[in-house]
Structures are given as structure tokens and as C-alpha cells.
Amino acid sequence: MSFPLRRVALICALPALLTTPALADPTVGLGLTFTFGGGQVDTGLGLRVFSDDDSESVVASVGIDYMFRSQSWRGTVGAAYLGEDAYIGLDLGLGLGDRSIDFGISVGGVNTEDDSGGGAPAVTPPPPPPPQNQI
């Protein structure tokens, strides 16, 4: 795939990955990233923004990584599974210095909300009226 075609594919994929439901609550995560590209593996520290904060869900993500081996920055788009205050993600990254494209796996911590409440709170009925005295 030529470089211009990769750029077009990435630009076309961004709007689809960044769309979120109107009621979604975005959240931020911090973790480790492992990248695979160019025949080398690199490790880095990553910051991710997730499209929703519900635990036990799959969400879209965008982020940035600092890669230790190459000492470079990498922008990312991808998807992640949010567990209870943790995430694991797969992403496509673009080296901000050399414009290289690679794939990555990320794991880390995130503040999630437990969505097991089941919706609206329970409503208790009003108490019955007091008894009437009959003569």
C-alpha cells in the first residue's frame, strides 16, 4: 500500500472511529503500549481518550504514545475493551516524526463506571391512607 493510499485510508477511518453516541461519557486512560512494525518491537507510555466510560464495553480510542526505543511520539486510533478500571486496546499508529505506520497493543488503567444499575431507580409506592373510624 503506498503512502498516499495509507493516508487516505486513515483520514477516512477517523470520523467513523471518533463518532460517539450523544449520551456517551468520554474518559481518559494511561498505560503501556507495545508496537509491531518495521520488523521491530517498541515499548512506550500511552495516553488514551475513550469514547465511553462504561465498564465491560468495547469503545473507540484516540491517543498519543511516547516510544522508548525510538525516542519518538506516535499518534493512535483504535478500539479498546474497558474492564473494571482497566483497558486493553488494539490500535493503528502513525509516527509523528518519521510518518511510519504500525500496529500496537496497549494495556493500562482507566476510570470506568459500572453500568449494572439497570436503569431508573426503583420507585416505592405511597403509604396507604389511615383507617377510617366507623361508629
N, C-alpha and C. Protein backbone atom coordinates (compact mmCIF):
# COMPACT_ATOMS: atom_id res chain seq x y z
N MET A 1 0.86 -1.17 0.00
CA MET A 1 0.00 0.00 0.00
C MET A 1 0.90 1.23 0.00
N SER A 2 0.72 2.13 -0.91
CA SER A 2 1.55 3.32 -1.00
C SER A 2 1.20 4.30 0.12
N PHE A 3 2.12 5.20 0.39
CA PHE A 3 1.93 6.14 1.48
C PHE A 3 0.69 7.01 1.30
N PRO A 4 0.43 7.60 0.10
CA PRO A 4 -0.79 8.42 -0.05
C PRO A 4 -2.06 7.60 0.19
N LEU A 5 -2.07 6.32 -0.23
CA LEU A 5 -3.24 5.49 -0.01
C LEU A 5 -3.44 5.21 1.48
N ARG A 6 -2.36 5.02 2.21
CA ARG A 6 -2.46 4.84 3.66
C ARG A 6 -3.04 6.08 4.32
N ARG A 7 -2.58 7.23 3.88
CA ARG A 7 -3.06 8.48 4.46
C ARG A 7 -4.56 8.64 4.21
N VAL A 8 -5.00 8.35 2.98
CA VAL A 8 -6.42 8.45 2.64
C VAL A 8 -7.24 7.48 3.48
N ALA A 9 -6.74 6.24 3.65
CA ALA A 9 -7.46 5.25 4.46
C ALA A 9 -7.57 5.71 5.91
N LEU A 10 -6.50 6.27 6.45
CA LEU A 10 -6.52 6.75 7.84
C LEU A 10 -7.47 7.93 7.99
N ILE A 11 -7.44 8.85 7.04
CA ILE A 11 -8.34 10.01 7.11
C ILE A 11 -9.80 9.58 7.01
N CYS A 12 -10.09 8.59 6.18
CA CYS A 12 -11.47 8.10 6.03
C CYS A 12 -11.93 7.34 7.28
N ALA A 13 -11.01 6.67 7.95
CA ALA A 13 -11.37 5.88 9.13
C ALA A 13 -11.58 6.74 10.36
N LEU A 14 -10.92 7.88 10.45
CA LEU A 14 -11.02 8.72 11.65
C LEU A 14 -12.44 9.14 12.01
N PRO A 15 -13.26 9.66 11.10
CA PRO A 15 -14.61 10.04 11.50
C PRO A 15 -15.43 8.87 12.04
N ALA A 16 -15.28 7.70 11.46
CA ALA A 16 -16.03 6.54 11.94
C ALA A 16 -15.59 6.14 13.34
N LEU A 17 -14.30 6.25 13.62
CA LEU A 17 -13.79 5.87 14.94
C LEU A 17 -14.09 6.92 16.00
N LEU A 18 -14.23 8.17 15.60
CA LEU A 18 -14.42 9.24 16.58
C LEU A 18 -15.87 9.55 16.89
N THR A 19 -16.81 8.97 16.14
CA THR A 19 -18.22 9.24 16.42
C THR A 19 -18.62 8.54 17.70
N THR A 20 -19.35 9.23 18.53
CA THR A 20 -19.80 8.67 19.80
C THR A 20 -21.28 8.96 19.98
N PRO A 21 -21.97 8.11 20.72
CA PRO A 21 -23.38 8.38 20.99
C PRO A 21 -23.55 9.68 21.78
N ALA A 22 -24.72 10.27 21.69
CA ALA A 22 -24.96 11.55 22.36
C ALA A 22 -24.86 11.42 23.88
N LEU A 23 -25.14 10.26 24.44
CA LEU A 23 -25.11 10.10 25.88
C LEU A 23 -23.81 9.51 26.40
N ALA A 24 -22.81 9.35 25.57
CA ALA A 24 -21.55 8.75 25.99
C ALA A 24 -20.77 9.74 26.86
N ASP A 25 -20.06 9.18 27.83
CA ASP A 25 -19.19 9.96 28.70
C ASP A 25 -17.76 9.56 28.41
N PRO A 26 -17.00 10.38 27.69
CA PRO A 26 -15.62 10.02 27.40
C PRO A 26 -14.79 9.94 28.68
N THR A 27 -13.71 9.17 28.63
CA THR A 27 -12.82 9.04 29.77
C THR A 27 -11.39 8.91 29.27
N VAL A 28 -10.43 9.09 30.16
CA VAL A 28 -9.01 9.08 29.81
C VAL A 28 -8.32 7.93 30.52
N GLY A 29 -7.37 7.28 29.83
CA GLY A 29 -6.60 6.20 30.42
C GLY A 29 -5.11 6.40 30.20
N LEU A 30 -4.30 5.77 31.05
CA LEU A 30 -2.84 5.83 30.97
C LEU A 30 -2.31 4.42 31.04
N GLY A 31 -1.37 4.07 30.15
CA GLY A 31 -0.88 2.70 30.17
C GLY A 31 0.38 2.49 29.35
N LEU A 32 0.70 1.21 29.14
CA LEU A 32 1.85 0.79 28.35
C LEU A 32 1.41 0.39 26.96
N THR A 33 2.27 0.66 25.98
CA THR A 33 1.99 0.32 24.59
C THR A 33 3.13 -0.51 24.04
N PHE A 34 2.78 -1.55 23.28
CA PHE A 34 3.75 -2.39 22.59
C PHE A 34 3.42 -2.30 21.11
N THR A 35 4.39 -1.84 20.28
CA THR A 35 4.14 -1.68 18.86
C THR A 35 4.92 -2.70 18.05
N PHE A 36 4.35 -3.06 16.89
CA PHE A 36 4.94 -4.04 15.99
C PHE A 36 4.91 -3.44 14.60
N GLY A 37 6.08 -3.09 14.09
CA GLY A 37 6.15 -2.51 12.76
C GLY A 37 7.60 -2.40 12.32
N GLY A 38 7.83 -2.57 11.05
CA GLY A 38 9.18 -2.48 10.52
C GLY A 38 10.11 -3.57 11.04
N GLY A 39 9.55 -4.71 11.45
CA GLY A 39 10.37 -5.80 11.94
C GLY A 39 10.90 -5.60 13.34
N GLN A 40 10.44 -4.58 14.06
CA GLN A 40 10.92 -4.30 15.40
C GLN A 40 9.76 -4.13 16.36
N VAL A 41 10.03 -4.41 17.63
CA VAL A 41 9.05 -4.20 18.70
C VAL A 41 9.53 -3.03 19.54
N ASP A 42 8.63 -2.13 19.87
CA ASP A 42 8.98 -0.97 20.69
C ASP A 42 7.98 -0.90 21.84
N THR A 43 8.41 -0.33 22.94
CA THR A 43 7.57 -0.18 24.13
C THR A 43 7.45 1.30 24.45
N GLY A 44 6.27 1.71 24.91
CA GLY A 44 6.09 3.12 25.23
C GLY A 44 5.05 3.36 26.30
N LEU A 45 4.91 4.60 26.66
CA LEU A 45 3.91 5.06 27.62
C LEU A 45 2.85 5.80 26.84
N GLY A 46 1.57 5.44 27.05
CA GLY A 46 0.50 6.00 26.24
C GLY A 46 -0.60 6.66 27.03
N LEU A 47 -1.19 7.68 26.45
CA LEU A 47 -2.35 8.38 26.98
C LEU A 47 -3.48 8.19 25.98
N ARG A 48 -4.64 7.69 26.43
CA ARG A 48 -5.77 7.40 25.55
C ARG A 48 -7.03 8.15 26.01
N VAL A 49 -7.84 8.56 25.03
CA VAL A 49 -9.17 9.09 25.30
C VAL A 49 -10.14 8.09 24.70
N PHE A 50 -11.06 7.59 25.52
CA PHE A 50 -12.03 6.57 25.11
C PHE A 50 -13.39 7.21 24.90
N SER A 51 -14.16 6.67 23.95
CA SER A 51 -15.44 7.26 23.58
C SER A 51 -16.52 7.10 24.65
N ASP A 52 -16.35 6.20 25.60
CA ASP A 52 -17.35 5.99 26.65
C ASP A 52 -16.63 5.49 27.89
N ASP A 53 -17.27 5.59 29.04
CA ASP A 53 -16.63 5.16 30.28
C ASP A 53 -17.32 3.97 30.95
N ASP A 54 -18.23 3.29 30.23
CA ASP A 54 -18.92 2.13 30.80
C ASP A 54 -17.97 0.93 30.87
N SER A 55 -17.90 0.30 32.04
CA SER A 55 -17.09 -0.91 32.16
C SER A 55 -17.75 -2.06 31.39
N GLU A 56 -16.95 -3.05 31.05
CA GLU A 56 -17.41 -4.23 30.31
C GLU A 56 -17.97 -3.82 28.94
N SER A 57 -17.27 -2.91 28.23
CA SER A 57 -17.74 -2.47 26.91
C SER A 57 -16.56 -2.28 25.95
N VAL A 58 -16.87 -2.29 24.66
CA VAL A 58 -15.87 -2.03 23.62
C VAL A 58 -16.10 -0.61 23.12
N VAL A 59 -15.02 0.18 23.07
CA VAL A 59 -15.13 1.60 22.74
C VAL A 59 -14.06 2.00 21.73
N ALA A 60 -14.24 3.14 21.09
CA ALA A 60 -13.22 3.71 20.20
C ALA A 60 -12.22 4.49 21.05
N SER A 61 -10.99 4.61 20.53
CA SER A 61 -9.97 5.35 21.26
C SER A 61 -9.10 6.17 20.32
N VAL A 62 -8.59 7.28 20.83
CA VAL A 62 -7.55 8.07 20.18
C VAL A 62 -6.52 8.36 21.26
N GLY A 63 -5.27 8.53 20.85
CA GLY A 63 -4.27 8.78 21.86
C GLY A 63 -2.93 9.16 21.31
N ILE A 64 -1.97 9.22 22.22
CA ILE A 64 -0.59 9.53 21.87
C ILE A 64 0.32 8.70 22.76
N ASP A 65 1.41 8.22 22.17
CA ASP A 65 2.39 7.40 22.90
C ASP A 65 3.77 8.03 22.78
N TYR A 66 4.57 7.88 23.83
CA TYR A 66 6.00 8.17 23.72
C TYR A 66 6.70 6.82 23.70
N MET A 67 7.40 6.53 22.61
CA MET A 67 8.07 5.24 22.43
C MET A 67 9.51 5.33 22.93
N PHE A 68 9.88 4.41 23.83
CA PHE A 68 11.18 4.48 24.50
C PHE A 68 12.36 4.13 23.58
N ARG A 69 12.27 3.04 22.82
CA ARG A 69 13.39 2.62 21.99
C ARG A 69 13.71 3.64 20.91
N SER A 70 12.67 4.07 20.19
CA SER A 70 12.88 5.02 19.09
C SER A 70 12.92 6.48 19.56
N GLN A 71 12.58 6.73 20.82
CA GLN A 71 12.52 8.07 21.39
C GLN A 71 11.71 9.02 20.50
N SER A 72 10.49 8.56 20.18
CA SER A 72 9.63 9.34 19.28
C SER A 72 8.19 9.31 19.78
N TRP A 73 7.40 10.21 19.24
CA TRP A 73 5.97 10.29 19.55
C TRP A 73 5.18 9.58 18.46
N ARG A 74 4.04 9.03 18.85
CA ARG A 74 3.19 8.24 17.95
C ARG A 74 1.73 8.55 18.25
N GLY A 75 0.98 9.03 17.25
CA GLY A 75 -0.46 9.24 17.39
C GLY A 75 -1.19 7.94 17.09
N THR A 76 -2.32 7.70 17.76
CA THR A 76 -3.03 6.43 17.59
C THR A 76 -4.54 6.61 17.41
N VAL A 77 -5.14 5.67 16.70
CA VAL A 77 -6.59 5.48 16.66
C VAL A 77 -6.84 3.99 16.77
N GLY A 78 -7.91 3.60 17.45
CA GLY A 78 -8.17 2.18 17.60
C GLY A 78 -9.42 1.88 18.38
N ALA A 79 -9.45 0.68 18.93
CA ALA A 79 -10.58 0.22 19.74
C ALA A 79 -10.02 -0.44 21.00
N ALA A 80 -10.82 -0.41 22.06
CA ALA A 80 -10.38 -0.99 23.33
C ALA A 80 -11.54 -1.64 24.05
N TYR A 81 -11.20 -2.62 24.87
CA TYR A 81 -12.17 -3.24 25.77
C TYR A 81 -11.93 -2.64 27.15
N LEU A 82 -12.97 -2.05 27.74
CA LEU A 82 -12.86 -1.49 29.08
C LEU A 82 -13.39 -2.48 30.09
N GLY A 83 -12.53 -2.92 30.98
CA GLY A 83 -12.95 -3.76 32.10
C GLY A 83 -13.23 -2.87 33.29
N GLU A 84 -13.10 -3.43 34.48
CA GLU A 84 -13.31 -2.64 35.68
C GLU A 84 -12.04 -1.87 36.00
N ASP A 85 -12.02 -0.58 35.65
CA ASP A 85 -10.88 0.32 35.86
C ASP A 85 -9.61 -0.12 35.16
N ALA A 86 -9.72 -0.83 34.03
CA ALA A 86 -8.58 -1.24 33.22
C ALA A 86 -9.01 -1.35 31.77
N TYR A 87 -8.03 -1.28 30.86
CA TYR A 87 -8.34 -1.42 29.44
C TYR A 87 -7.28 -2.24 28.73
N ILE A 88 -7.68 -2.84 27.62
CA ILE A 88 -6.76 -3.46 26.68
C ILE A 88 -7.21 -3.02 25.30
N GLY A 89 -6.27 -2.55 24.48
CA GLY A 89 -6.65 -1.97 23.20
C GLY A 89 -5.77 -2.42 22.05
N LEU A 90 -6.32 -2.32 20.87
CA LEU A 90 -5.60 -2.53 19.62
C LEU A 90 -5.68 -1.23 18.83
N ASP A 91 -4.55 -0.79 18.28
CA ASP A 91 -4.58 0.47 17.57
C ASP A 91 -3.64 0.50 16.38
N LEU A 92 -3.88 1.49 15.56
CA LEU A 92 -3.04 1.80 14.42
C LEU A 92 -2.34 3.10 14.75
N GLY A 93 -1.02 3.12 14.60
CA GLY A 93 -0.28 4.31 14.99
C GLY A 93 0.47 4.93 13.84
N LEU A 94 0.66 6.23 13.94
CA LEU A 94 1.41 6.99 12.95
C LEU A 94 2.53 7.70 13.67
N GLY A 95 3.78 7.37 13.31
CA GLY A 95 4.94 8.04 13.89
C GLY A 95 4.91 9.51 13.52
N LEU A 96 4.95 10.39 14.52
CA LEU A 96 4.82 11.82 14.25
C LEU A 96 6.09 12.42 13.66
N GLY A 97 7.23 11.73 13.82
CA GLY A 97 8.47 12.23 13.24
C GLY A 97 8.76 11.65 11.88
N ASP A 98 8.72 10.32 11.77
CA ASP A 98 9.10 9.66 10.52
C ASP A 98 7.91 9.22 9.67
N ARG A 99 6.69 9.46 10.15
CA ARG A 99 5.46 9.12 9.42
C ARG A 99 5.32 7.62 9.16
N SER A 100 5.94 6.78 9.97
CA SER A 100 5.79 5.33 9.81
C SER A 100 4.47 4.89 10.42
N ILE A 101 3.88 3.86 9.85
CA ILE A 101 2.61 3.32 10.34
C ILE A 101 2.88 1.94 10.93
N ASP A 102 2.32 1.69 12.14
CA ASP A 102 2.49 0.39 12.78
C ASP A 102 1.25 0.03 13.58
N PHE A 103 1.24 -1.19 14.10
CA PHE A 103 0.13 -1.67 14.91
C PHE A 103 0.59 -1.77 16.35
N GLY A 104 -0.34 -1.61 17.28
CA GLY A 104 0.03 -1.68 18.68
C GLY A 104 -1.01 -2.33 19.55
N ILE A 105 -0.54 -2.79 20.69
CA ILE A 105 -1.39 -3.33 21.76
C ILE A 105 -1.12 -2.47 22.98
N SER A 106 -2.18 -2.05 23.65
CA SER A 106 -2.00 -1.22 24.84
C SER A 106 -2.80 -1.78 26.01
N VAL A 107 -2.25 -1.63 27.20
CA VAL A 107 -2.92 -2.03 28.43
C VAL A 107 -2.69 -0.94 29.46
N GLY A 108 -3.68 -0.72 30.32
CA GLY A 108 -3.49 0.31 31.33
C GLY A 108 -4.70 0.50 32.21
N GLY A 109 -4.68 1.58 32.95
CA GLY A 109 -5.75 1.91 33.88
C GLY A 109 -6.63 3.02 33.34
N VAL A 110 -7.90 2.95 33.70
CA VAL A 110 -8.89 3.94 33.27
C VAL A 110 -10.00 3.99 34.31
N ASN A 111 -10.60 5.14 34.51
CA ASN A 111 -11.71 5.27 35.45
C ASN A 111 -13.01 4.93 34.72
N THR A 112 -13.58 3.76 35.02
CA THR A 112 -14.81 3.34 34.37
C THR A 112 -15.99 3.43 35.33
N GLU A 113 -17.17 3.46 34.76
CA GLU A 113 -18.42 3.47 35.54
C GLU A 113 -19.09 2.12 35.41
N ASP A 114 -19.57 1.58 36.51
CA ASP A 114 -20.29 0.32 36.48
C ASP A 114 -21.70 0.60 36.01
N ASP A 115 -22.11 -0.04 34.93
CA ASP A 115 -23.42 0.21 34.33
C ASP A 115 -24.43 -0.87 34.71
N SER A 116 -24.23 -1.54 35.85
CA SER A 116 -25.11 -2.65 36.22
C SER A 116 -26.33 -2.19 37.02
N GLY A 117 -26.55 -0.89 37.13
CA GLY A 117 -27.66 -0.39 37.91
C GLY A 117 -29.01 -0.75 37.34
N GLY A 118 -29.10 -1.05 36.06
CA GLY A 118 -30.36 -1.48 35.46
C GLY A 118 -31.28 -0.35 35.08
N GLY A 119 -30.79 0.86 35.01
CA GLY A 119 -31.63 1.95 34.53
C GLY A 119 -32.14 2.83 35.65
N ALA A 120 -33.45 3.15 35.61
CA ALA A 120 -34.04 4.08 36.56
C ALA A 120 -34.10 3.47 37.96
N PRO A 121 -34.00 4.31 38.99
CA PRO A 121 -34.10 3.79 40.36
C PRO A 121 -35.51 3.28 40.65
N ALA A 122 -35.59 2.37 41.61
CA ALA A 122 -36.88 1.79 41.97
C ALA A 122 -37.76 2.86 42.63
N VAL A 123 -39.04 2.82 42.32
CA VAL A 123 -39.99 3.78 42.89
C VAL A 123 -40.82 3.04 43.93
N THR A 124 -40.87 3.61 45.13
CA THR A 124 -41.69 2.98 46.19
C THR A 124 -43.08 3.59 46.15
N PRO A 125 -44.10 2.76 46.31
CA PRO A 125 -45.47 3.29 46.29
C PRO A 125 -45.74 4.11 47.55
N PRO A 126 -46.69 5.04 47.47
CA PRO A 126 -47.02 5.84 48.65
C PRO A 126 -47.70 4.95 49.72
N PRO A 127 -47.62 5.37 50.97
CA PRO A 127 -48.24 4.55 52.02
C PRO A 127 -49.77 4.56 51.88
N PRO A 128 -50.44 3.52 52.38
CA PRO A 128 -51.91 3.50 52.29
C PRO A 128 -52.50 4.58 53.19
N PRO A 129 -53.74 5.00 52.91
CA PRO A 129 -54.38 6.01 53.75
C PRO A 129 -54.68 5.42 55.14
N PRO A 130 -54.74 6.28 56.16
CA PRO A 130 -55.03 5.77 57.51
C PRO A 130 -56.45 5.18 57.56
N PRO A 131 -56.66 4.23 58.46
CA PRO A 131 -58.01 3.63 58.55
C PRO A 131 -59.04 4.66 59.02
N GLN A 132 -60.29 4.50 58.53
CA GLN A 132 -61.39 5.36 58.90
C GLN A 132 -62.10 4.78 60.13
N ASN A 133 -62.39 5.63 61.09
CA ASN A 133 -63.15 5.16 62.27
C ASN A 133 -64.63 5.10 61.92
N GLN A 134 -65.23 3.93 62.15
CA GLN A 134 -66.66 3.78 61.88
C GLN A 134 -67.39 3.59 63.19
N ILE A 135 -68.56 4.22 63.35
CA ILE A 135 -69.35 4.12 64.57
C ILE A 135 -70.56 3.29 64.35
